Amino acid sequence: MARKEKKEKEPVVVTKKRRDDSIEVEIKKSPAKTTLGKITIVLIIIGIIVIPVVALIFLLSQA
């Protein structure tokens, strides 16, 4: 039977050092697959959809 070749996993976070001694951090994973990315997506959805709908319902109930 033929063996399957395992691909080496690329690191998710890569750090690079620049000439001026600053550190550059590069994330090579989709933001939708990271925990911080998921939290950011949820916060954006809440800010765009949930808060305006709640504010609209509140204002209509005050009228």
N, C-alpha and C. Protein backbone atom coordinates (compact mmCIF):
# COMPACT_ATOMS: atom_id res chain seq x y z
N MET A 1 0.83 -1.18 0.00
CA MET A 1 0.00 0.00 0.00
C MET A 1 0.88 1.25 0.00
N ALA A 2 0.40 2.23 -0.70
CA ALA A 2 1.17 3.47 -0.80
C ALA A 2 0.98 4.31 0.46
N ARG A 3 2.06 4.91 0.88
CA ARG A 3 1.98 5.79 2.04
C ARG A 3 1.53 7.17 1.61
N LYS A 4 0.74 7.77 2.45
CA LYS A 4 0.35 9.15 2.19
C LYS A 4 1.41 10.06 2.76
N GLU A 5 1.82 11.02 1.97
CA GLU A 5 2.81 11.97 2.45
C GLU A 5 2.12 13.01 3.32
N LYS A 6 2.68 13.22 4.49
CA LYS A 6 2.12 14.23 5.38
C LYS A 6 2.69 15.59 5.02
N LYS A 7 1.79 16.54 4.90
CA LYS A 7 2.24 17.90 4.66
C LYS A 7 2.60 18.53 5.99
N GLU A 8 3.66 19.28 5.99
CA GLU A 8 4.01 19.99 7.21
C GLU A 8 3.06 21.16 7.38
N LYS A 9 2.53 21.29 8.57
CA LYS A 9 1.61 22.39 8.83
C LYS A 9 2.40 23.68 8.95
N GLU A 10 1.88 24.69 8.27
CA GLU A 10 2.51 26.00 8.38
C GLU A 10 2.07 26.63 9.70
N PRO A 11 2.95 27.35 10.34
CA PRO A 11 2.55 27.99 11.60
C PRO A 11 1.47 29.04 11.35
N VAL A 12 0.59 29.19 12.34
CA VAL A 12 -0.51 30.14 12.20
C VAL A 12 -0.01 31.57 12.33
N VAL A 13 0.89 31.80 13.27
CA VAL A 13 1.43 33.13 13.49
C VAL A 13 2.91 33.13 13.14
N VAL A 14 3.30 34.04 12.27
CA VAL A 14 4.69 34.14 11.85
C VAL A 14 5.20 35.52 12.26
N THR A 15 6.34 35.55 12.92
CA THR A 15 6.93 36.83 13.29
C THR A 15 8.16 37.08 12.44
N LYS A 16 8.30 38.29 12.00
CA LYS A 16 9.46 38.69 11.19
C LYS A 16 10.11 39.89 11.86
N LYS A 17 11.41 39.97 11.76
CA LYS A 17 12.13 41.10 12.32
C LYS A 17 12.62 41.97 11.17
N ARG A 18 12.30 43.25 11.24
CA ARG A 18 12.68 44.18 10.18
C ARG A 18 14.07 44.75 10.45
N ARG A 19 14.56 45.50 9.48
CA ARG A 19 15.89 46.10 9.61
C ARG A 19 15.97 47.09 10.76
N ASP A 20 14.86 47.79 11.01
CA ASP A 20 14.87 48.80 12.08
C ASP A 20 14.50 48.19 13.44
N ASP A 21 14.68 46.90 13.59
CA ASP A 21 14.45 46.14 14.83
C ASP A 21 13.00 46.12 15.29
N SER A 22 12.07 46.45 14.41
CA SER A 22 10.66 46.31 14.76
C SER A 22 10.21 44.90 14.40
N ILE A 23 9.22 44.42 15.10
CA ILE A 23 8.73 43.06 14.89
C ILE A 23 7.41 43.12 14.14
N GLU A 24 7.30 42.33 13.08
CA GLU A 24 6.07 42.26 12.29
C GLU A 24 5.43 40.90 12.55
N VAL A 25 4.15 40.91 12.91
CA VAL A 25 3.43 39.67 13.18
C VAL A 25 2.45 39.44 12.04
N GLU A 26 2.53 38.27 11.43
CA GLU A 26 1.66 37.93 10.30
C GLU A 26 0.83 36.72 10.68
N ILE A 27 -0.49 36.84 10.54
CA ILE A 27 -1.38 35.72 10.84
C ILE A 27 -1.78 35.08 9.52
N LYS A 28 -1.52 33.79 9.40
CA LYS A 28 -1.76 33.10 8.14
C LYS A 28 -3.02 32.24 8.17
N LYS A 29 -3.94 32.55 9.04
CA LYS A 29 -5.16 31.77 9.14
C LYS A 29 -6.34 32.69 8.86
N SER A 30 -7.39 32.14 8.31
CA SER A 30 -8.57 32.93 8.02
C SER A 30 -9.15 33.52 9.30
N PRO A 31 -9.51 34.80 9.29
CA PRO A 31 -10.07 35.40 10.50
C PRO A 31 -11.34 34.72 10.98
N ALA A 32 -12.10 34.14 10.08
CA ALA A 32 -13.33 33.46 10.47
C ALA A 32 -13.06 32.17 11.23
N LYS A 33 -11.83 31.66 11.16
CA LYS A 33 -11.49 30.41 11.84
C LYS A 33 -10.78 30.63 13.17
N THR A 34 -10.40 31.86 13.47
CA THR A 34 -9.73 32.12 14.74
C THR A 34 -10.75 32.60 15.77
N THR A 35 -10.43 32.43 17.03
CA THR A 35 -11.34 32.83 18.10
C THR A 35 -11.54 34.35 18.10
N LEU A 36 -10.44 35.07 17.97
CA LEU A 36 -10.54 36.54 17.96
C LEU A 36 -11.33 37.02 16.74
N GLY A 37 -11.17 36.35 15.62
CA GLY A 37 -11.92 36.71 14.42
C GLY A 37 -13.41 36.48 14.59
N LYS A 38 -13.76 35.36 15.23
CA LYS A 38 -15.18 35.06 15.46
C LYS A 38 -15.80 36.09 16.41
N ILE A 39 -15.05 36.47 17.44
CA ILE A 39 -15.55 37.49 18.37
C ILE A 39 -15.76 38.81 17.65
N THR A 40 -14.82 39.18 16.79
CA THR A 40 -14.93 40.42 16.03
C THR A 40 -16.14 40.40 15.11
N ILE A 41 -16.37 39.28 14.44
CA ILE A 41 -17.52 39.15 13.54
C ILE A 41 -18.83 39.29 14.32
N VAL A 42 -18.91 38.66 15.49
CA VAL A 42 -20.12 38.75 16.31
C VAL A 42 -20.35 40.19 16.77
N LEU A 43 -19.29 40.88 17.19
CA LEU A 43 -19.44 42.27 17.62
C LEU A 43 -19.89 43.18 16.48
N ILE A 44 -19.38 42.94 15.28
CA ILE A 44 -19.80 43.74 14.12
C ILE A 44 -21.27 43.49 13.82
N ILE A 45 -21.70 42.23 13.87
CA ILE A 45 -23.11 41.91 13.60
C ILE A 45 -24.01 42.55 14.65
N ILE A 46 -23.59 42.49 15.91
CA ILE A 46 -24.39 43.12 16.97
C ILE A 46 -24.48 44.62 16.74
N GLY A 47 -23.37 45.24 16.36
CA GLY A 47 -23.36 46.69 16.15
C GLY A 47 -24.18 47.12 14.95
N ILE A 48 -24.23 46.30 13.92
CA ILE A 48 -24.93 46.69 12.70
C ILE A 48 -26.42 46.33 12.75
N ILE A 49 -26.76 45.19 13.35
CA ILE A 49 -28.14 44.71 13.28
C ILE A 49 -28.89 44.85 14.61
N VAL A 50 -28.33 44.31 15.68
CA VAL A 50 -29.08 44.19 16.93
C VAL A 50 -29.34 45.55 17.59
N ILE A 51 -28.31 46.36 17.74
CA ILE A 51 -28.48 47.65 18.42
C ILE A 51 -29.46 48.57 17.70
N PRO A 52 -29.38 48.74 16.36
CA PRO A 52 -30.38 49.58 15.69
C PRO A 52 -31.81 49.05 15.81
N VAL A 53 -31.99 47.73 15.76
CA VAL A 53 -33.34 47.16 15.88
C VAL A 53 -33.90 47.41 17.27
N VAL A 54 -33.08 47.22 18.30
CA VAL A 54 -33.52 47.47 19.67
C VAL A 54 -33.83 48.95 19.85
N ALA A 55 -33.00 49.83 19.30
CA ALA A 55 -33.25 51.27 19.40
C ALA A 55 -34.55 51.65 18.68
N LEU A 56 -34.80 51.06 17.52
CA LEU A 56 -36.02 51.34 16.78
C LEU A 56 -37.25 50.89 17.55
N ILE A 57 -37.20 49.70 18.13
CA ILE A 57 -38.33 49.21 18.93
C ILE A 57 -38.55 50.12 20.14
N PHE A 58 -37.47 50.54 20.78
CA PHE A 58 -37.59 51.43 21.93
C PHE A 58 -38.22 52.76 21.55
N LEU A 59 -37.76 53.33 20.43
CA LEU A 59 -38.31 54.62 20.00
C LEU A 59 -39.77 54.51 19.57
N LEU A 60 -40.13 53.41 18.93
CA LEU A 60 -41.53 53.22 18.53
C LEU A 60 -42.43 53.02 19.74
N SER A 61 -41.91 52.40 20.78
CA SER A 61 -42.73 52.19 21.98
C SER A 61 -42.90 53.49 22.76
N GLN A 62 -42.01 54.45 22.58
CA GLN A 62 -42.11 55.73 23.27
C GLN A 62 -43.12 56.66 22.60
N ALA A 63 -43.41 56.44 21.33
CA ALA A 63 -44.29 57.34 20.58
C ALA A 63 -45.74 57.21 20.98
